[in-house]
C-alpha atoms as a PDB file:
ATOM      1  CA  ASN A   1       7.295 -39.698  -3.400  1.00  0.00           C
ATOM      2  CA  LEU A   2       6.068 -41.985  -6.160  1.00  0.00           C
ATOM      3  CA  ASN A   3       6.381 -45.105  -4.004  1.00  0.00           C
ATOM      4  CA  ALA A   4       4.048 -43.705  -1.334  1.00  0.00           C
ATOM      5  CA  LEU A   5       1.608 -42.347  -3.932  1.00  0.00           C
ATOM      6  CA  ASN A   6       1.305 -45.693  -5.696  1.00  0.00           C
ATOM      7  CA  SER A   7       0.814 -47.500  -2.372  1.00  0.00           C
ATOM      8  CA  LYS A   8      -2.237 -45.335  -1.670  1.00  0.00           C
ATOM      9  CA  LEU A   9      -3.667 -45.613  -5.183  1.00  0.00           C
ATOM     10  CA  PHE A  10      -3.437 -49.395  -5.403  1.00  0.00           C
ATOM     11  CA  MET A  11      -4.164 -50.602  -1.884  1.00  0.00           C
ATOM     12  CA  ASN A  12      -5.749 -53.926  -0.945  1.00  0.00           C
ATOM     13  CA  ASN A  13      -4.365 -56.004  -3.795  1.00  0.00           C
ATOM     14  CA  PRO A  14      -3.227 -59.222  -2.091  1.00  0.00           C
ATOM     15  CA  ILE A  15      -0.806 -60.203  -4.849  1.00  0.00           C
ATOM     16  CA  THR A  16       1.054 -56.906  -5.075  1.00  0.00           C
ATOM     17  CA  ASP A  17       0.977 -56.554  -1.281  1.00  0.00           C
ATOM     18  CA  HIS A  18       2.584 -59.994  -1.037  1.00  0.00           C
ATOM     19  CA  ILE A  19       5.278 -59.097  -3.561  1.00  0.00           C
ATOM     20  CA  LYS A  20       6.115 -55.828  -1.805  1.00  0.00           C
ATOM     21  CA  ASN A  21       6.364 -57.561   1.577  1.00  0.00           C
ATOM     22  CA  HIS A  22       9.451 -59.588   0.625  1.00  0.00           C
ATOM     23  CA  ARG A  23      12.476 -59.741   2.890  1.00  0.00           C
ATOM     24  CA  SER A  24      15.382 -62.207   3.051  1.00  0.00           C
ATOM     25  CA  ILE A  25      15.350 -64.682   5.959  1.00  0.00           C
ATOM     26  CA  ARG A  26      18.624 -65.968   7.388  1.00  0.00           C
ATOM     27  CA  ARG A  27      17.449 -67.898  10.461  1.00  0.00           C
ATOM     28  CA  PHE A  28      15.217 -70.951  10.090  1.00  0.00           C
ATOM     29  CA  GLU A  29      13.326 -73.288  12.411  1.00  0.00           C
ATOM     30  CA  ASP A  30      14.511 -76.883  12.635  1.00  0.00           C
ATOM     31  CA  ARG A  31      11.552 -78.496  10.895  1.00  0.00           C
ATOM     32  CA  PRO A  32      11.185 -79.995   7.422  1.00  0.00           C
ATOM     33  CA  LEU A  33       8.938 -78.772   4.652  1.00  0.00           C
ATOM     34  CA  PRO A  34       5.660 -80.673   4.153  1.00  0.00           C
ATOM     35  CA  LYS A  35       5.858 -83.527   1.687  1.00  0.00           C
ATOM     36  CA  GLY A  36       5.017 -82.376  -1.823  1.00  0.00           C
ATOM     37  CA  LEU A  37       5.550 -78.661  -1.177  1.00  0.00           C
ATOM     38  CA  VAL A  38       8.805 -78.440  -3.138  1.00  0.00           C
ATOM     39  CA  GLU A  39       7.077 -80.027  -6.125  1.00  0.00           C
ATOM     40  CA  GLU A  40       4.240 -77.500  -5.838  1.00  0.00           C
ATOM     41  CA  LEU A  41       6.683 -74.591  -5.661  1.00  0.00           C
ATOM     42  CA  VAL A  42       8.681 -75.734  -8.674  1.00  0.00           C
ATOM     43  CA  THR A  43       5.442 -76.249 -10.607  1.00  0.00           C
ATOM     44  CA  CYS A  44       4.726 -72.575  -9.910  1.00  0.00           C
ATOM     45  CA  GLY A  45       8.225 -71.823 -11.153  1.00  0.00           C
ATOM     46  CA  GLN A  46       7.467 -73.550 -14.440  1.00  0.00           C
ATOM     47  CA  SER A  47       4.676 -71.056 -15.080  1.00  0.00           C
ATOM     48  CA  ALA A  48       7.254 -68.286 -15.513  1.00  0.00           C
ATOM     49  CA  SER A  49       7.789 -66.847 -18.973  1.00  0.00           C
ATOM     50  CA  THR A  50      10.445 -68.638 -21.011  1.00  0.00           C
ATOM     51  CA  SER A  51      12.242 -67.640 -24.197  1.00  0.00           C
ATOM     52  CA  SER A  52      10.721 -69.431 -27.226  1.00  0.00           C
ATOM     53  CA  ASN A  53       9.439 -72.145 -24.865  1.00  0.00           C
ATOM     54  CA  LEU A  54      13.009 -73.464 -24.548  1.00  0.00           C
ATOM     55  CA  GLN A  55      12.510 -73.887 -20.777  1.00  0.00           C
ATOM     56  CA  ALA A  56      16.293 -73.760 -20.499  1.00  0.00           C
ATOM     57  CA  TYR A  57      16.581 -74.380 -16.773  1.00  0.00           C
ATOM     58  CA  SER A  58      16.728 -77.123 -14.165  1.00  0.00           C
ATOM     59  CA  VAL A  59      16.186 -77.080 -10.406  1.00  0.00           C
ATOM     60  CA  ILE A  60      18.131 -79.371  -8.076  1.00  0.00           C
ATOM     61  CA  GLU A  61      16.739 -79.986  -4.591  1.00  0.00           C
ATOM     62  CA  VAL A  62      19.397 -80.566  -1.937  1.00  0.00           C
ATOM     63  CA  SER A  63      18.159 -81.863   1.418  1.00  0.00           C
ATOM     64  CA  ASP A  64      20.868 -84.396   2.276  1.00  0.00           C
ATOM     65  CA  PRO A  65      22.737 -82.845   5.234  1.00  0.00           C
ATOM     66  CA  LYS A  66      26.201 -83.840   4.008  1.00  0.00           C
ATOM     67  CA  ARG A  67      25.700 -82.499   0.496  1.00  0.00           C
ATOM     68  CA  LYS A  68      24.048 -79.331   1.817  1.00  0.00           C
ATOM     69  CA  LYS A  69      26.962 -78.804   4.210  1.00  0.00           C
ATOM     70  CA  ALA A  70      29.415 -79.194   1.340  1.00  0.00           C
ATOM     71  CA  LEU A  71      27.465 -76.684  -0.736  1.00  0.00           C
ATOM     72  CA  ALA A  72      27.327 -74.229   2.155  1.00  0.00           C
ATOM     73  CA  GLU A  73      31.105 -74.400   2.524  1.00  0.00           C
ATOM     74  CA  LEU A  74      31.449 -73.602  -1.187  1.00  0.00           C
ATOM     75  CA  CYS A  75      29.117 -70.616  -0.723  1.00  0.00           C
ATOM     76  CA  ALA A  76      31.198 -68.688   1.836  1.00  0.00           C
ATOM     77  CA  ASP A  77      29.875 -70.959   4.612  1.00  0.00           C
ATOM     78  CA  GLN A  78      26.665 -68.941   4.966  1.00  0.00           C
ATOM     79  CA  VAL A  79      24.686 -69.897   8.059  1.00  0.00           C
ATOM     80  CA  GLN A  80      21.301 -69.741   6.318  1.00  0.00           C
ATOM     81  CA  ILE A  81      22.278 -72.600   4.007  1.00  0.00           C
ATOM     82  CA  HIS A  82      23.238 -74.760   6.986  1.00  0.00           C
ATOM     83  CA  GLN A  83      19.975 -73.937   8.780  1.00  0.00           C
ATOM     84  CA  SER A  84      17.486 -74.199   5.926  1.00  0.00           C
ATOM     85  CA  PRO A  85      15.901 -77.666   5.686  1.00  0.00           C
ATOM     86  CA  THR A  86      15.828 -77.474   1.893  1.00  0.00           C
ATOM     87  CA  PHE A  87      18.204 -75.781  -0.519  1.00  0.00           C
ATOM     88  CA  LEU A  88      17.349 -75.416  -4.200  1.00  0.00           C
ATOM     89  CA  VAL A  89      19.915 -74.779  -6.920  1.00  0.00           C
ATOM     90  CA  PHE A  90      18.617 -73.082 -10.066  1.00  0.00           C
ATOM     91  CA  CYS A  91      20.621 -73.925 -13.165  1.00  0.00           C
ATOM     92  CA  ALA A  92      20.793 -72.518 -16.658  1.00  0.00           C
ATOM     93  CA  ASP A  93      20.348 -75.669 -18.724  1.00  0.00           C
ATOM     94  CA  LEU A  94      20.813 -76.007 -22.477  1.00  0.00           C
ATOM     95  CA  ASN A  95      21.750 -79.694 -22.252  1.00  0.00           C
ATOM     96  CA  ARG A  96      18.121 -80.791 -22.437  1.00  0.00           C
ATOM     97  CA  ASP A  97      17.564 -78.651 -25.547  1.00  0.00           C
ATOM     98  CA  ARG A  98      20.710 -80.199 -27.083  1.00  0.00           C
ATOM     99  CA  LEU A  99      19.235 -83.659 -26.468  1.00  0.00           C
ATOM    100  CA  ALA A 100      15.938 -82.570 -28.031  1.00  0.00           C
ATOM    101  CA  GLY A 101      17.851 -81.483 -31.129  1.00  0.00           C
ATOM    102  CA  GLN A 102      19.635 -84.829 -31.338  1.00  0.00           C
ATOM    103  CA  LEU A 103      16.264 -86.553 -31.611  1.00  0.00           C
ATOM    104  CA  HIS A 104      15.936 -84.809 -34.983  1.00  0.00           C
ATOM    105  CA  GLY A 105      19.506 -85.204 -36.171  1.00  0.00           C
ATOM    106  CA  VAL A 106      20.666 -81.724 -35.150  1.00  0.00           C
ATOM    107  CA  GLU A 107      24.305 -82.037 -34.094  1.00  0.00           C
ATOM    108  CA  ASN A 108      25.424 -78.431 -34.646  1.00  0.00           C
ATOM    109  CA  PHE A 109      23.972 -76.980 -31.445  1.00  0.00           C
ATOM    110  CA  ASP A 110      24.626 -73.245 -31.749  1.00  0.00           C
ATOM    111  CA  THR A 111      25.557 -72.189 -28.202  1.00  0.00           C
ATOM    112  CA  ASP A 112      28.718 -70.273 -29.072  1.00  0.00           C
ATOM    113  CA  TYR A 113      27.108 -66.859 -28.672  1.00  0.00           C
ATOM    114  CA  VAL A 114      26.309 -64.778 -25.600  1.00  0.00           C
ATOM    115  CA  GLU A 115      22.616 -64.937 -26.516  1.00  0.00           C
ATOM    116  CA  ALA A 116      22.458 -68.647 -25.666  1.00  0.00           C
ATOM    117  CA  LEU A 117      23.913 -68.060 -22.204  1.00  0.00           C
ATOM    118  CA  LEU A 118      21.603 -65.104 -21.576  1.00  0.00           C
ATOM    119  CA  ILE A 119      18.494 -67.041 -22.611  1.00  0.00           C
ATOM    120  CA  ALA A 120      19.238 -69.879 -20.199  1.00  0.00           C
ATOM    121  CA  THR A 121      20.320 -67.567 -17.370  1.00  0.00           C
ATOM    122  CA  VAL A 122      17.246 -65.343 -17.646  1.00  0.00           C
ATOM    123  CA  ASP A 123      14.980 -68.399 -17.855  1.00  0.00           C
ATOM    124  CA  ALA A 124      16.495 -69.782 -14.638  1.00  0.00           C
ATOM    125  CA  ALA A 125      16.190 -66.420 -12.872  1.00  0.00           C
ATOM    126  CA  LEU A 126      12.509 -66.067 -13.796  1.00  0.00           C
ATOM    127  CA  VAL A 127      11.766 -69.538 -12.433  1.00  0.00           C
ATOM    128  CA  LEU A 128      13.694 -68.711  -9.255  1.00  0.00           C
ATOM    129  CA  GLN A 129      11.609 -65.598  -8.619  1.00  0.00           C
ATOM    130  CA  ASN A 130       8.342 -67.472  -9.179  1.00  0.00           C
ATOM    131  CA  VAL A 131       9.409 -70.192  -6.741  1.00  0.00           C
ATOM    132  CA  ALA A 132      10.438 -67.589  -4.157  1.00  0.00           C
ATOM    133  CA  LEU A 133       7.089 -65.796  -4.336  1.00  0.00           C
ATOM    134  CA  ALA A 134       5.182 -69.080  -4.150  1.00  0.00           C
ATOM    135  CA  ALA A 135       7.245 -70.171  -1.141  1.00  0.00           C
ATOM    136  CA  GLU A 136       6.536 -66.949   0.738  1.00  0.00           C
ATOM    137  CA  SER A 137       2.819 -67.344   0.014  1.00  0.00           C
ATOM    138  CA  HIS A 138       2.989 -70.674   1.891  1.00  0.00           C
ATOM    139  CA  GLY A 139       4.533 -69.016   4.937  1.00  0.00           C
ATOM    140  CA  LEU A 140       8.120 -69.955   4.154  1.00  0.00           C
ATOM    141  CA  GLY A 141      11.122 -67.692   4.415  1.00  0.00           C
ATOM    142  CA  ILE A 142      13.599 -67.542   1.575  1.00  0.00           C
ATOM    143  CA  CYS A 143      17.112 -66.307   0.943  1.00  0.00           C
ATOM    144  CA  MET A 144      18.678 -66.242  -2.509  1.00  0.00           C
ATOM    145  CA  ILE A 145      22.335 -67.254  -2.716  1.00  0.00           C
ATOM    146  CA  GLY A 146      24.508 -65.787  -5.465  1.00  0.00           C
ATOM    147  CA  ALA A 147      27.604 -67.210  -3.768  1.00  0.00           C
ATOM    148  CA  ILE A 148      26.852 -70.500  -5.531  1.00  0.00           C
ATOM    149  CA  ARG A 149      28.980 -68.959  -8.321  1.00  0.00           C
ATOM    150  CA  ILE A 150      32.139 -68.473  -6.215  1.00  0.00           C
ATOM    151  CA  HIS A 151      33.410 -72.028  -6.830  1.00  0.00           C
ATOM    152  CA  PRO A 152      31.412 -73.122  -9.890  1.00  0.00           C
ATOM    153  CA  LYS A 153      33.642 -76.085 -10.792  1.00  0.00           C
ATOM    154  CA  ALA A 154      33.327 -77.678  -7.360  1.00  0.00           C
ATOM    155  CA  VAL A 155      29.582 -76.986  -7.293  1.00  0.00           C
ATOM    156  CA  GLY A 156      29.198 -78.522 -10.740  1.00  0.00           C
ATOM    157  CA  LYS A 157      31.078 -81.639  -9.659  1.00  0.00           C
ATOM    158  CA  LEU A 158      29.062 -81.979  -6.450  1.00  0.00           C
ATOM    159  CA  LEU A 159      25.783 -81.728  -8.374  1.00  0.00           C
ATOM    160  CA  ASN A 160      26.963 -83.782 -11.379  1.00  0.00           C
ATOM    161  CA  LEU A 161      26.184 -80.971 -13.837  1.00  0.00           C
ATOM    162  CA  PRO A 162      26.729 -81.981 -17.487  1.00  0.00           C
ATOM    163  CA  PRO A 163      28.066 -79.670 -20.220  1.00  0.00           C
ATOM    164  CA  LEU A 164      25.830 -76.695 -21.102  1.00  0.00           C
ATOM    165  CA  VAL A 165      24.569 -76.471 -17.509  1.00  0.00           C
ATOM    166  CA  TYR A 166      25.740 -74.146 -14.723  1.00  0.00           C
ATOM    167  CA  ALA A 167      24.398 -73.086 -11.332  1.00  0.00           C
ATOM    168  CA  VAL A 168      22.942 -69.556 -11.494  1.00  0.00           C
ATOM    169  CA  ALA A 169      21.764 -69.127  -7.900  1.00  0.00           C
ATOM    170  CA  GLY A 170      20.664 -71.011  -4.816  1.00  0.00           C
ATOM    171  CA  LEU A 171      17.539 -70.607  -2.696  1.00  0.00           C
ATOM    172  CA  CYS A 172      17.226 -71.366   1.014  1.00  0.00           C
ATOM    173  CA  LEU A 173      13.734 -72.521   2.007  1.00  0.00           C
ATOM    174  CA  GLY A 174      12.369 -72.951   5.516  1.00  0.00           C
ATOM    175  CA  TYR A 175      10.128 -71.622   8.243  1.00  0.00           C
ATOM    176  CA  PRO A 176      11.451 -68.325   9.626  1.00  0.00           C
ATOM    177  CA  ALA A 177      12.890 -68.509  13.137  1.00  0.00           C
ATOM    178  CA  LYS A 178      13.294 -64.756  13.220  1.00  0.00           C
ATOM    179  CA  ASP A 179      11.608 -62.133  11.085  1.00  0.00           C
ATOM    180  CA  GLN A 180      13.740 -59.558   9.334  1.00  0.00           C
ATOM    181  CA  GLN A 181      13.035 -55.877   8.889  1.00  0.00           C
ATOM    182  CA  GLN A 182      12.487 -54.966   5.265  1.00  0.00           C
ATOM    183  CA  LYS A 183      15.267 -52.815   3.854  1.00  0.00           C
ATOM    184  CA  PRO A 184      14.201 -49.671   1.992  1.00  0.00           C
ATOM    185  CA  ARG A 185      14.679 -49.868  -1.763  1.00  0.00           C
ATOM    186  CA  LEU A 186      15.954 -47.198  -4.107  1.00  0.00           C
ATOM    187  CA  PRO A 187      13.371 -44.503  -4.880  1.00  0.00           C
ATOM    188  CA  LEU A 188      11.176 -45.442  -7.825  1.00  0.00           C
ATOM    189  CA  GLU A 189      12.453 -42.374  -9.683  1.00  0.00           C
ATOM    190  CA  THR A 190      15.913 -43.949  -9.650  1.00  0.00           C
ATOM    191  CA  ILE A 191      14.702 -47.109 -11.379  1.00  0.00           C
ATOM    192  CA  LEU A 192      11.743 -46.135 -13.586  1.00  0.00           C
ATOM    193  CA  HIS A 193      12.641 -43.894 -16.528  1.00  0.00           C
ATOM    194  CA  HIS A 194      10.310 -42.515 -19.189  1.00  0.00           C
ATOM    195  CA  GLU A 195      11.289 -42.617 -22.854  1.00  0.00           C
ATOM    196  CA  GLN A 196      15.037 -42.244 -22.232  1.00  0.00           C
ATOM    197  CA  TYR A 197      17.703 -42.937 -19.639  1.00  0.00           C
ATOM    198  CA  PRO A 198      18.348 -39.892 -17.395  1.00  0.00           C
ATOM    199  CA  ASP A 199      21.613 -37.995 -17.118  1.00  0.00           C
ATOM    200  CA  ASP A 200      24.161 -38.853 -14.436  1.00  0.00           C
ATOM    201  CA  ASP A 201      23.526 -35.741 -12.322  1.00  0.00           C
ATOM    202  CA  GLN A 202      19.905 -36.762 -11.723  1.00  0.00           C
ATOM    203  CA  GLN A 203      20.969 -40.283 -10.765  1.00  0.00           C
ATOM    204  CA  ILE A 204      23.672 -39.031  -8.394  1.00  0.00           C
ATOM    205  CA  ASN A 205      21.246 -36.757  -6.547  1.00  0.00           C
ATOM    206  CA  LEU A 206      18.824 -39.643  -6.054  1.00  0.00           C
ATOM    207  CA  ILE A 207      21.631 -41.926  -4.869  1.00  0.00           C
ATOM    208  CA  LYS A 208      22.686 -39.357  -2.277  1.00  0.00           C
ATOM    209  CA  GLY A 209      19.124 -39.210  -0.980  1.00  0.00           C
ATOM    210  CA  TYR A 210      18.985 -42.996  -0.752  1.00  0.00           C
ATOM    211  CA  ASP A 211      22.288 -43.016   1.132  1.00  0.00           C
ATOM    212  CA  GLN A 212      20.634 -40.949   3.850  1.00  0.00           C
ATOM    213  CA  THR A 213      17.620 -43.271   3.898  1.00  0.00           C
ATOM    214  CA  MET A 214      19.925 -46.234   4.546  1.00  0.00           C
ATOM    215  CA  VAL A 215      21.791 -44.366   7.297  1.00  0.00           C
ATOM    216  CA  GLU A 216      18.476 -43.738   9.053  1.00  0.00           C
ATOM    217  CA  PHE A 217      17.354 -47.353   8.565  1.00  0.00           C
ATOM    218  CA  TYR A 218      20.496 -48.878  10.068  1.00  0.00           C
ATOM    219  CA  SER A 219      20.379 -46.379  12.913  1.00  0.00           C
ATOM    220  CA  SER A 220      16.795 -47.444  13.687  1.00  0.00           C
ATOM    221  CA  GLN A 221      18.017 -51.066  13.851  1.00  0.00           C
ATOM    222  CA  ALA A 222      20.859 -50.120  16.225  1.00  0.00           C
ATOM    223  CA  MET A 223      23.345 -51.362  13.626  1.00  0.00           C
ATOM    224  CA  HIS A 224      26.387 -49.120  13.754  1.00  0.00           C
ATOM    225  CA  ASP A 225      29.202 -51.523  12.865  1.00  0.00           C
ATOM    226  CA  LYS A 226      29.698 -50.317   9.297  1.00  0.00           C
ATOM    227  CA  ASP A 227      29.135 -47.397   6.951  1.00  0.00           C
ATOM    228  CA  PRO A 228      25.567 -48.076   5.757  1.00  0.00           C
ATOM    229  CA  ARG A 229      25.526 -45.683   2.811  1.00  0.00           C
ATOM    230  CA  TRP A 230      24.380 -47.627  -0.242  1.00  0.00           C
ATOM    231  CA  SER A 231      26.892 -45.943  -2.536  1.00  0.00           C
ATOM    232  CA  LYS A 232      29.736 -46.887  -0.192  1.00  0.00           C
ATOM    233  CA  VAL A 233      28.635 -50.522   0.042  1.00  0.00           C
ATOM    234  CA  MET A 234      28.190 -50.794  -3.740  1.00  0.00           C
ATOM    235  CA  ALA A 235      31.582 -49.203  -4.400  1.00  0.00           C
ATOM    236  CA  ALA A 236      33.185 -51.961  -2.342  1.00  0.00           C
ATOM    237  CA  ARG A 237      31.035 -54.713  -3.848  1.00  0.00           C
ATOM    238  CA  THR A 238      31.619 -53.792  -7.495  1.00  0.00           C
ATOM    239  CA  ALA A 239      35.366 -53.661  -6.859  1.00  0.00           C
ATOM    240  CA  ARG A 240      35.285 -57.375  -5.981  1.00  0.00           C
ATOM    241  CA  PHE A 241      33.801 -58.948  -9.091  1.00  0.00           C
ATOM    242  CA  HIS A 242      37.241 -60.427  -9.794  1.00  0.00           C
ATOM    243  CA  GLU A 243      36.693 -62.766  -6.839  1.00  0.00           C
ATOM    244  CA  ARG A 244      34.411 -64.826  -9.075  1.00  0.00           C
ATOM    245  CA  ALA A 245      36.769 -64.922 -12.047  1.00  0.00           C
ATOM    246  CA  GLU A 246      36.666 -68.735 -11.988  1.00  0.00           C
ATOM    247  CA  LEU A 247      33.181 -68.515 -13.479  1.00  0.00           C
ATOM    248  CA  ASP A 248      34.523 -67.245 -16.823  1.00  0.00           C
ATOM    249  CA  GLU A 249      36.728 -70.293 -17.329  1.00  0.00           C
ATOM    250  CA  TYR A 250      34.065 -72.667 -16.019  1.00  0.00           C
ATOM    251  CA  LEU A 251      31.433 -71.389 -18.458  1.00  0.00           C
ATOM    252  CA  SER A 252      33.847 -71.993 -21.315  1.00  0.00           C
ATOM    253  CA  ASP A 253      34.598 -75.493 -20.014  1.00  0.00           C
ATOM    254  CA  GLN A 254      30.859 -76.168 -19.888  1.00  0.00           C
ATOM    255  CA  GLY A 255      30.463 -75.308 -23.565  1.00  0.00           C
ATOM    256  CA  PHE A 256      29.404 -71.673 -23.389  1.00  0.00           C
ATOM    257  CA  HIS A 257      31.828 -70.089 -25.885  1.00  0.00           C
ATOM    258  CA  PHE A 258      31.494 -66.504 -27.034  1.00  0.00           C
ATOM    259  CA  LYS A 259      32.113 -65.964 -30.737  1.00  0.00           C
ATOM    260  CA  SER A 260      32.527 -62.607 -32.392  1.00  0.00           C
ATOM    261  CA  SER A 261      29.664 -61.443 -34.610  1.00  0.00           C
ATOM    262  CA  SER A 262      32.161 -61.203 -37.473  1.00  0.00           C
ATOM    263  CA  PRO A 263      31.972 -64.041 -40.020  1.00  0.00           C
END
């Protein structure tokens, strides 16, 4: 088992130990974050790598109870959003770069290709991960919220997002009221490939092994209300991508158009 071998070879590294200790928290204490902590966390986020120094992202802090409640309702009414004292929304943001171009007379802002959307989305995701790790290092619990993309138009209106900006993901921040058991991840052999991508048979065998790992994990947690096999859960999840079809139209409305590579 490569995971176990690496754990023994590289023990006692506080940074990697911290990273590997992550788990999502969905129950928070009713107490606010210390003043200035959000600013410190987002400063850590800014240290993430960014494509060509575009820094094509923005972070919106939502602490107002009414606005946070409205956001929660747009995100499948998830309890962790209601409970967390602070909710951050990480946005892909090319509006600021458009404004920078205008300062030098550049009006033809070339965002009509998938590359522009990917740059801003990846930038926002990298910042999000940095903020999450920094938050956990300060004793906070975190839970990332992809459901911010279920109703992107309403979210955009609530947050006053201009063209060339969209909400990529949310982040609940707060002090954990209840610790969560860490879910096992896929075996490293399933994720790390050398030189070339493996054939499907190898992947399927590893997936079957991971299915059994998840069955044993849920059994140990006395959770028997659903089929815990990872492949079963993913089969259901990937069959529901159409539920966020509104995002396609919203991205176009926000100015992210996808041209063909043909002249």
